[in-house]
N, C-alpha and C. Protein backbone atom coordinates (compact mmCIF):
# COMPACT_ATOMS: atom_id res chain seq x y z
N MET A 1 0.85 -1.17 0.00
CA MET A 1 0.00 0.00 0.00
C MET A 1 0.90 1.23 0.00
N ASP A 2 0.57 2.16 -0.85
CA ASP A 2 1.31 3.41 -0.94
C ASP A 2 0.83 4.33 0.17
N ARG A 3 1.69 4.66 1.10
CA ARG A 3 1.30 5.51 2.23
C ARG A 3 1.00 6.94 1.80
N GLN A 4 1.57 7.38 0.69
CA GLN A 4 1.33 8.74 0.21
C GLN A 4 -0.05 8.89 -0.40
N THR A 5 -0.47 7.88 -1.15
CA THR A 5 -1.75 7.97 -1.85
C THR A 5 -2.86 7.14 -1.22
N GLY A 6 -2.48 6.16 -0.40
CA GLY A 6 -3.45 5.24 0.18
C GLY A 6 -3.89 4.16 -0.79
N LYS A 7 -3.32 4.15 -1.97
CA LYS A 7 -3.69 3.19 -3.00
C LYS A 7 -2.99 1.86 -2.78
N VAL A 8 -3.73 0.78 -2.96
CA VAL A 8 -3.15 -0.55 -2.86
C VAL A 8 -2.59 -0.91 -4.24
N GLU A 9 -1.33 -1.24 -4.27
CA GLU A 9 -0.64 -1.57 -5.52
C GLU A 9 -0.26 -3.04 -5.52
N PHE A 10 -0.28 -3.66 -6.68
CA PHE A 10 0.16 -5.03 -6.83
C PHE A 10 1.41 -5.04 -7.69
N VAL A 11 2.45 -5.71 -7.19
CA VAL A 11 3.67 -5.87 -7.97
C VAL A 11 4.07 -7.33 -7.88
N SER A 12 4.22 -7.98 -9.02
CA SER A 12 4.59 -9.39 -9.03
C SER A 12 6.04 -9.57 -8.58
N ARG A 13 6.35 -10.75 -8.13
CA ARG A 13 7.74 -11.06 -7.74
C ARG A 13 8.68 -10.90 -8.93
N GLU A 14 8.17 -11.27 -10.09
CA GLU A 14 8.99 -11.15 -11.31
C GLU A 14 9.42 -9.71 -11.54
N VAL A 15 8.47 -8.79 -11.51
CA VAL A 15 8.78 -7.38 -11.75
C VAL A 15 9.61 -6.80 -10.62
N LEU A 16 9.32 -7.20 -9.38
CA LEU A 16 10.16 -6.75 -8.26
C LEU A 16 11.60 -7.18 -8.47
N GLY A 17 11.80 -8.41 -8.91
CA GLY A 17 13.15 -8.92 -9.15
C GLY A 17 13.88 -8.13 -10.22
N ILE A 18 13.18 -7.79 -11.28
CA ILE A 18 13.79 -7.01 -12.36
C ILE A 18 14.19 -5.62 -11.84
N ALA A 19 13.31 -4.98 -11.09
CA ALA A 19 13.61 -3.65 -10.54
C ALA A 19 14.76 -3.73 -9.55
N GLU A 20 14.78 -4.78 -8.74
CA GLU A 20 15.84 -4.93 -7.74
C GLU A 20 17.20 -5.14 -8.40
N GLU A 21 17.22 -5.77 -9.54
CA GLU A 21 18.48 -6.03 -10.26
C GLU A 21 18.84 -4.88 -11.20
N ASP A 22 18.29 -3.69 -10.92
CA ASP A 22 18.56 -2.49 -11.71
C ASP A 22 18.12 -2.62 -13.17
N GLY A 23 17.04 -3.34 -13.38
CA GLY A 23 16.49 -3.44 -14.73
C GLY A 23 15.85 -2.12 -15.12
N THR A 24 15.38 -2.06 -16.34
CA THR A 24 14.71 -0.86 -16.84
C THR A 24 13.31 -1.24 -17.31
N ALA A 25 12.53 -0.22 -17.62
CA ALA A 25 11.18 -0.44 -18.12
C ALA A 25 11.20 -1.24 -19.43
N GLU A 26 12.30 -1.17 -20.13
CA GLU A 26 12.44 -1.92 -21.38
C GLU A 26 12.54 -3.43 -21.13
N ASP A 27 12.87 -3.82 -19.89
CA ASP A 27 13.04 -5.24 -19.55
C ASP A 27 11.72 -5.94 -19.22
N VAL A 28 10.63 -5.19 -19.17
CA VAL A 28 9.33 -5.80 -18.87
C VAL A 28 8.40 -5.60 -20.05
N LEU A 29 7.35 -6.37 -20.08
CA LEU A 29 6.36 -6.23 -21.14
C LEU A 29 5.62 -4.89 -20.98
N GLU A 30 5.07 -4.41 -22.06
CA GLU A 30 4.42 -3.10 -22.03
C GLU A 30 3.33 -3.01 -20.96
N TRP A 31 2.54 -4.07 -20.81
CA TRP A 31 1.45 -4.05 -19.82
C TRP A 31 1.97 -4.11 -18.38
N GLN A 32 3.27 -4.39 -18.18
CA GLN A 32 3.87 -4.44 -16.84
C GLN A 32 4.58 -3.14 -16.47
N ARG A 33 4.58 -2.17 -17.34
CA ARG A 33 5.36 -0.95 -17.10
C ARG A 33 4.85 -0.15 -15.90
N GLY A 34 3.56 -0.06 -15.73
CA GLY A 34 3.03 0.63 -14.55
C GLY A 34 3.44 -0.08 -13.27
N GLU A 35 3.40 -1.38 -13.31
CA GLU A 35 3.83 -2.21 -12.18
C GLU A 35 5.32 -1.99 -11.91
N PHE A 36 6.10 -1.89 -12.98
CA PHE A 36 7.53 -1.66 -12.84
C PHE A 36 7.81 -0.30 -12.19
N GLU A 37 7.04 0.70 -12.54
CA GLU A 37 7.21 2.04 -11.93
C GLU A 37 6.96 1.97 -10.43
N VAL A 38 5.96 1.21 -10.04
CA VAL A 38 5.68 1.04 -8.60
C VAL A 38 6.85 0.31 -7.94
N ALA A 39 7.37 -0.73 -8.59
CA ALA A 39 8.52 -1.47 -8.03
C ALA A 39 9.72 -0.55 -7.85
N GLU A 40 9.98 0.31 -8.84
CA GLU A 40 11.09 1.26 -8.70
C GLU A 40 10.86 2.19 -7.52
N ALA A 41 9.62 2.65 -7.34
CA ALA A 41 9.30 3.54 -6.23
C ALA A 41 9.50 2.83 -4.89
N ILE A 42 9.19 1.54 -4.85
CA ILE A 42 9.39 0.76 -3.62
C ILE A 42 10.86 0.76 -3.23
N PHE A 43 11.74 0.51 -4.20
CA PHE A 43 13.17 0.45 -3.90
C PHE A 43 13.77 1.83 -3.67
N ALA A 44 13.17 2.87 -4.24
CA ALA A 44 13.66 4.23 -4.05
C ALA A 44 13.32 4.75 -2.65
N ASP A 45 12.16 4.34 -2.11
CA ASP A 45 11.72 4.84 -0.80
C ASP A 45 10.91 3.75 -0.10
N ARG A 46 11.60 2.86 0.59
CA ARG A 46 10.94 1.71 1.22
C ARG A 46 9.92 2.12 2.29
N ASP A 47 10.12 3.27 2.91
CA ASP A 47 9.18 3.72 3.94
C ASP A 47 7.85 4.20 3.36
N ARG A 48 7.83 4.46 2.07
CA ARG A 48 6.61 4.94 1.43
C ARG A 48 5.56 3.85 1.31
N PHE A 49 5.97 2.61 1.25
CA PHE A 49 5.05 1.50 1.03
C PHE A 49 4.98 0.59 2.24
N GLU A 50 3.79 0.06 2.47
CA GLU A 50 3.55 -0.90 3.54
C GLU A 50 3.10 -2.20 2.89
N LYS A 51 3.79 -3.28 3.19
CA LYS A 51 3.38 -4.58 2.66
C LYS A 51 2.16 -5.05 3.43
N LEU A 52 1.11 -5.38 2.69
CA LEU A 52 -0.11 -5.86 3.33
C LEU A 52 0.03 -7.34 3.66
N PRO A 53 -0.63 -7.78 4.70
CA PRO A 53 -0.52 -9.19 5.07
C PRO A 53 -1.22 -10.09 4.05
N THR A 54 -0.69 -11.27 3.90
CA THR A 54 -1.32 -12.27 3.04
C THR A 54 -2.28 -13.09 3.89
N LYS A 55 -3.01 -13.98 3.25
CA LYS A 55 -3.92 -14.84 4.01
C LYS A 55 -3.15 -15.73 4.98
N TYR A 56 -1.87 -15.93 4.74
CA TYR A 56 -1.05 -16.74 5.63
C TYR A 56 -0.57 -15.94 6.84
N ASP A 57 -0.61 -14.62 6.75
CA ASP A 57 -0.18 -13.77 7.85
C ASP A 57 -1.29 -13.48 8.85
N ILE A 58 -2.52 -13.68 8.45
CA ILE A 58 -3.66 -13.38 9.30
C ILE A 58 -4.11 -14.66 9.99
N HIS A 59 -4.07 -14.67 11.28
CA HIS A 59 -4.40 -15.86 12.05
C HIS A 59 -5.75 -15.64 12.74
N ALA A 60 -6.80 -16.07 12.06
CA ALA A 60 -8.16 -15.82 12.54
C ALA A 60 -8.39 -16.38 13.93
N TRP A 61 -7.81 -17.56 14.21
CA TRP A 61 -8.03 -18.14 15.53
C TRP A 61 -7.42 -17.27 16.62
N ASP A 62 -6.23 -16.71 16.37
CA ASP A 62 -5.61 -15.81 17.35
C ASP A 62 -6.45 -14.56 17.57
N ILE A 63 -7.06 -14.07 16.51
CA ILE A 63 -7.94 -12.90 16.64
C ILE A 63 -9.14 -13.24 17.52
N MET A 64 -9.72 -14.43 17.29
CA MET A 64 -10.86 -14.86 18.13
C MET A 64 -10.42 -15.03 19.58
N ARG A 65 -9.24 -15.62 19.79
CA ARG A 65 -8.75 -15.84 21.15
C ARG A 65 -8.56 -14.51 21.87
N GLU A 66 -7.91 -13.55 21.21
CA GLU A 66 -7.67 -12.25 21.82
C GLU A 66 -8.99 -11.55 22.14
N PHE A 67 -9.95 -11.66 21.23
CA PHE A 67 -11.26 -11.06 21.48
C PHE A 67 -11.91 -11.72 22.70
N ALA A 68 -11.91 -13.04 22.72
CA ALA A 68 -12.54 -13.77 23.83
C ALA A 68 -11.90 -13.39 25.17
N GLU A 69 -10.60 -13.21 25.18
CA GLU A 69 -9.90 -12.84 26.42
C GLU A 69 -10.24 -11.42 26.87
N SER A 70 -10.66 -10.57 25.93
CA SER A 70 -10.92 -9.17 26.26
C SER A 70 -12.33 -8.92 26.80
N ILE A 71 -13.19 -9.93 26.72
CA ILE A 71 -14.60 -9.76 27.07
C ILE A 71 -14.80 -9.75 28.59
N GLU A 72 -15.69 -8.89 29.02
CA GLU A 72 -16.16 -8.86 30.40
C GLU A 72 -17.65 -9.17 30.34
N PRO A 73 -18.22 -9.84 31.26
CA PRO A 73 -17.64 -10.40 32.47
C PRO A 73 -16.80 -11.65 32.17
N GLU A 74 -16.03 -12.03 33.15
CA GLU A 74 -15.10 -13.14 32.99
C GLU A 74 -15.80 -14.45 32.62
N ARG A 75 -17.00 -14.66 33.15
CA ARG A 75 -17.74 -15.88 32.86
C ARG A 75 -18.04 -16.00 31.36
N LEU A 76 -18.43 -14.88 30.72
CA LEU A 76 -18.69 -14.87 29.29
C LEU A 76 -17.38 -15.06 28.52
N SER A 77 -16.32 -14.45 28.99
CA SER A 77 -15.00 -14.62 28.38
C SER A 77 -14.59 -16.09 28.40
N ASP A 78 -14.78 -16.74 29.53
CA ASP A 78 -14.43 -18.17 29.65
C ASP A 78 -15.25 -19.02 28.68
N GLU A 79 -16.54 -18.71 28.56
CA GLU A 79 -17.40 -19.49 27.66
C GLU A 79 -16.97 -19.30 26.21
N LEU A 80 -16.62 -18.07 25.83
CA LEU A 80 -16.13 -17.83 24.47
C LEU A 80 -14.82 -18.55 24.23
N GLN A 81 -13.92 -18.51 25.21
CA GLN A 81 -12.63 -19.18 25.05
C GLN A 81 -12.81 -20.69 24.91
N ASN A 82 -13.74 -21.26 25.62
CA ASN A 82 -14.02 -22.69 25.49
C ASN A 82 -14.63 -23.01 24.12
N ALA A 83 -15.45 -22.11 23.59
CA ALA A 83 -16.16 -22.35 22.34
C ALA A 83 -15.23 -22.36 21.13
N ILE A 84 -14.09 -21.71 21.22
CA ILE A 84 -13.23 -21.58 20.03
C ILE A 84 -12.27 -22.75 19.84
N HIS A 85 -12.42 -23.78 20.61
CA HIS A 85 -11.56 -24.96 20.45
C HIS A 85 -12.32 -26.06 19.71
N GLY A 86 -11.63 -26.74 18.82
CA GLY A 86 -12.22 -27.86 18.11
C GLY A 86 -12.92 -27.46 16.83
N ALA A 87 -13.56 -28.45 16.23
CA ALA A 87 -14.26 -28.24 14.96
C ALA A 87 -15.41 -27.27 15.15
N GLY A 88 -15.61 -26.42 14.15
CA GLY A 88 -16.72 -25.47 14.20
C GLY A 88 -16.48 -24.30 15.14
N ALA A 89 -15.22 -23.94 15.37
CA ALA A 89 -14.89 -22.90 16.34
C ALA A 89 -15.61 -21.58 16.07
N PHE A 90 -15.62 -21.15 14.82
CA PHE A 90 -16.27 -19.88 14.50
C PHE A 90 -17.76 -19.94 14.78
N ARG A 91 -18.40 -21.03 14.36
CA ARG A 91 -19.84 -21.19 14.57
C ARG A 91 -20.17 -21.24 16.06
N HIS A 92 -19.37 -22.01 16.82
CA HIS A 92 -19.62 -22.13 18.25
C HIS A 92 -19.42 -20.79 18.97
N ALA A 93 -18.38 -20.06 18.59
CA ALA A 93 -18.13 -18.76 19.22
C ALA A 93 -19.24 -17.78 18.90
N ALA A 94 -19.74 -17.79 17.67
CA ALA A 94 -20.82 -16.88 17.28
C ALA A 94 -22.12 -17.21 18.01
N ALA A 95 -22.30 -18.45 18.38
CA ALA A 95 -23.54 -18.86 19.06
C ALA A 95 -23.58 -18.45 20.52
N VAL A 96 -22.43 -18.22 21.14
CA VAL A 96 -22.40 -17.89 22.58
C VAL A 96 -23.20 -16.63 22.88
N PRO A 97 -22.97 -15.50 22.20
CA PRO A 97 -23.78 -14.31 22.52
C PRO A 97 -25.27 -14.53 22.28
N ALA A 98 -25.61 -15.32 21.28
CA ALA A 98 -27.03 -15.59 21.01
C ALA A 98 -27.64 -16.37 22.17
N ARG A 99 -26.92 -17.36 22.69
CA ARG A 99 -27.42 -18.14 23.83
C ARG A 99 -27.60 -17.26 25.06
N LYS A 100 -26.77 -16.24 25.19
CA LYS A 100 -26.84 -15.35 26.35
C LYS A 100 -27.88 -14.25 26.17
N GLY A 101 -28.54 -14.23 24.99
CA GLY A 101 -29.55 -13.20 24.74
C GLY A 101 -28.96 -11.85 24.39
N LEU A 102 -27.67 -11.82 24.08
CA LEU A 102 -27.04 -10.55 23.72
C LEU A 102 -27.31 -10.19 22.27
N VAL A 103 -27.40 -11.19 21.41
CA VAL A 103 -27.76 -11.00 20.00
C VAL A 103 -28.56 -12.20 19.56
N ARG A 104 -29.32 -12.04 18.52
CA ARG A 104 -30.03 -13.16 17.94
C ARG A 104 -29.50 -13.32 16.52
N LEU A 105 -29.02 -14.50 16.22
CA LEU A 105 -28.52 -14.77 14.88
C LEU A 105 -29.72 -14.96 13.97
N SER A 106 -29.85 -14.09 12.97
CA SER A 106 -31.05 -14.13 12.14
C SER A 106 -30.88 -15.00 10.91
N GLY A 107 -29.68 -15.45 10.62
CA GLY A 107 -29.46 -16.20 9.39
C GLY A 107 -29.68 -15.28 8.21
N ARG A 108 -30.12 -15.85 7.10
CA ARG A 108 -30.37 -15.02 5.92
C ARG A 108 -31.81 -14.50 5.96
N CYS A 109 -31.95 -13.24 5.74
CA CYS A 109 -33.27 -12.66 5.67
C CYS A 109 -33.17 -11.40 4.82
N ALA A 110 -34.31 -10.92 4.40
CA ALA A 110 -34.34 -9.71 3.59
C ALA A 110 -35.09 -8.62 4.34
N PRO A 111 -34.58 -7.41 4.36
CA PRO A 111 -35.32 -6.33 5.00
C PRO A 111 -36.72 -6.25 4.38
N PRO A 112 -37.76 -5.92 5.07
CA PRO A 112 -37.77 -5.38 6.42
C PRO A 112 -37.90 -6.43 7.51
N ASP A 113 -37.67 -7.70 7.20
CA ASP A 113 -37.89 -8.76 8.17
C ASP A 113 -36.67 -9.09 9.01
N CYS A 114 -35.56 -8.38 8.84
CA CYS A 114 -34.34 -8.68 9.57
C CYS A 114 -34.26 -7.84 10.84
N TYR A 115 -34.09 -8.51 11.94
CA TYR A 115 -33.94 -7.82 13.20
C TYR A 115 -32.75 -8.40 13.94
N ARG A 116 -32.18 -7.57 14.77
CA ARG A 116 -31.09 -8.03 15.63
C ARG A 116 -31.46 -7.57 17.03
N VAL A 117 -31.23 -8.44 17.99
CA VAL A 117 -31.52 -8.10 19.37
C VAL A 117 -30.20 -7.89 20.08
N VAL A 118 -30.02 -6.70 20.62
CA VAL A 118 -28.81 -6.36 21.36
C VAL A 118 -29.22 -5.93 22.74
N ARG A 119 -28.74 -6.67 23.72
CA ARG A 119 -29.07 -6.42 25.13
C ARG A 119 -30.57 -6.23 25.34
N GLY A 120 -31.32 -7.12 24.72
CA GLY A 120 -32.76 -7.13 24.92
C GLY A 120 -33.54 -6.16 24.05
N GLU A 121 -32.87 -5.28 23.28
CA GLU A 121 -33.57 -4.33 22.43
C GLU A 121 -33.55 -4.82 20.99
N ARG A 122 -34.70 -4.72 20.34
CA ARG A 122 -34.84 -5.17 18.95
C ARG A 122 -34.51 -4.02 17.99
N HIS A 123 -33.61 -4.29 17.03
CA HIS A 123 -33.20 -3.27 16.05
C HIS A 123 -33.36 -3.83 14.65
N ARG A 124 -33.94 -3.04 13.75
CA ARG A 124 -34.10 -3.45 12.35
C ARG A 124 -32.72 -3.38 11.69
N VAL A 125 -32.40 -4.42 10.92
CA VAL A 125 -31.15 -4.47 10.16
C VAL A 125 -31.44 -3.90 8.79
N HIS A 126 -30.66 -2.93 8.37
CA HIS A 126 -30.89 -2.27 7.07
C HIS A 126 -30.09 -2.90 5.99
């Protein structure tokens, strides 16, 4: 991601390698030239760009665990932490607040028939 523009840029490993080896725009195919310009900018100012995480960098289970640990009261936190172990962890964790009456899982529905219950109050889902 370009920190100056906020734009997410894609640069292939191939084009990065060419730019890193001091290649020129002539070394890439015409349709890769914009990508090559971004690669050159990356090597010219590494602080300008932030590498976004891949699907392998994001650990959904750790995110669920951290969330479960942050919940108060402790009894609800413990129940969430127990729910995230084993098969169906996401489904089991999502069901805990529904069982406690904090939310109602509506499944698929179409407005105006969708409602969510939060702390006993019914809210229309838009």
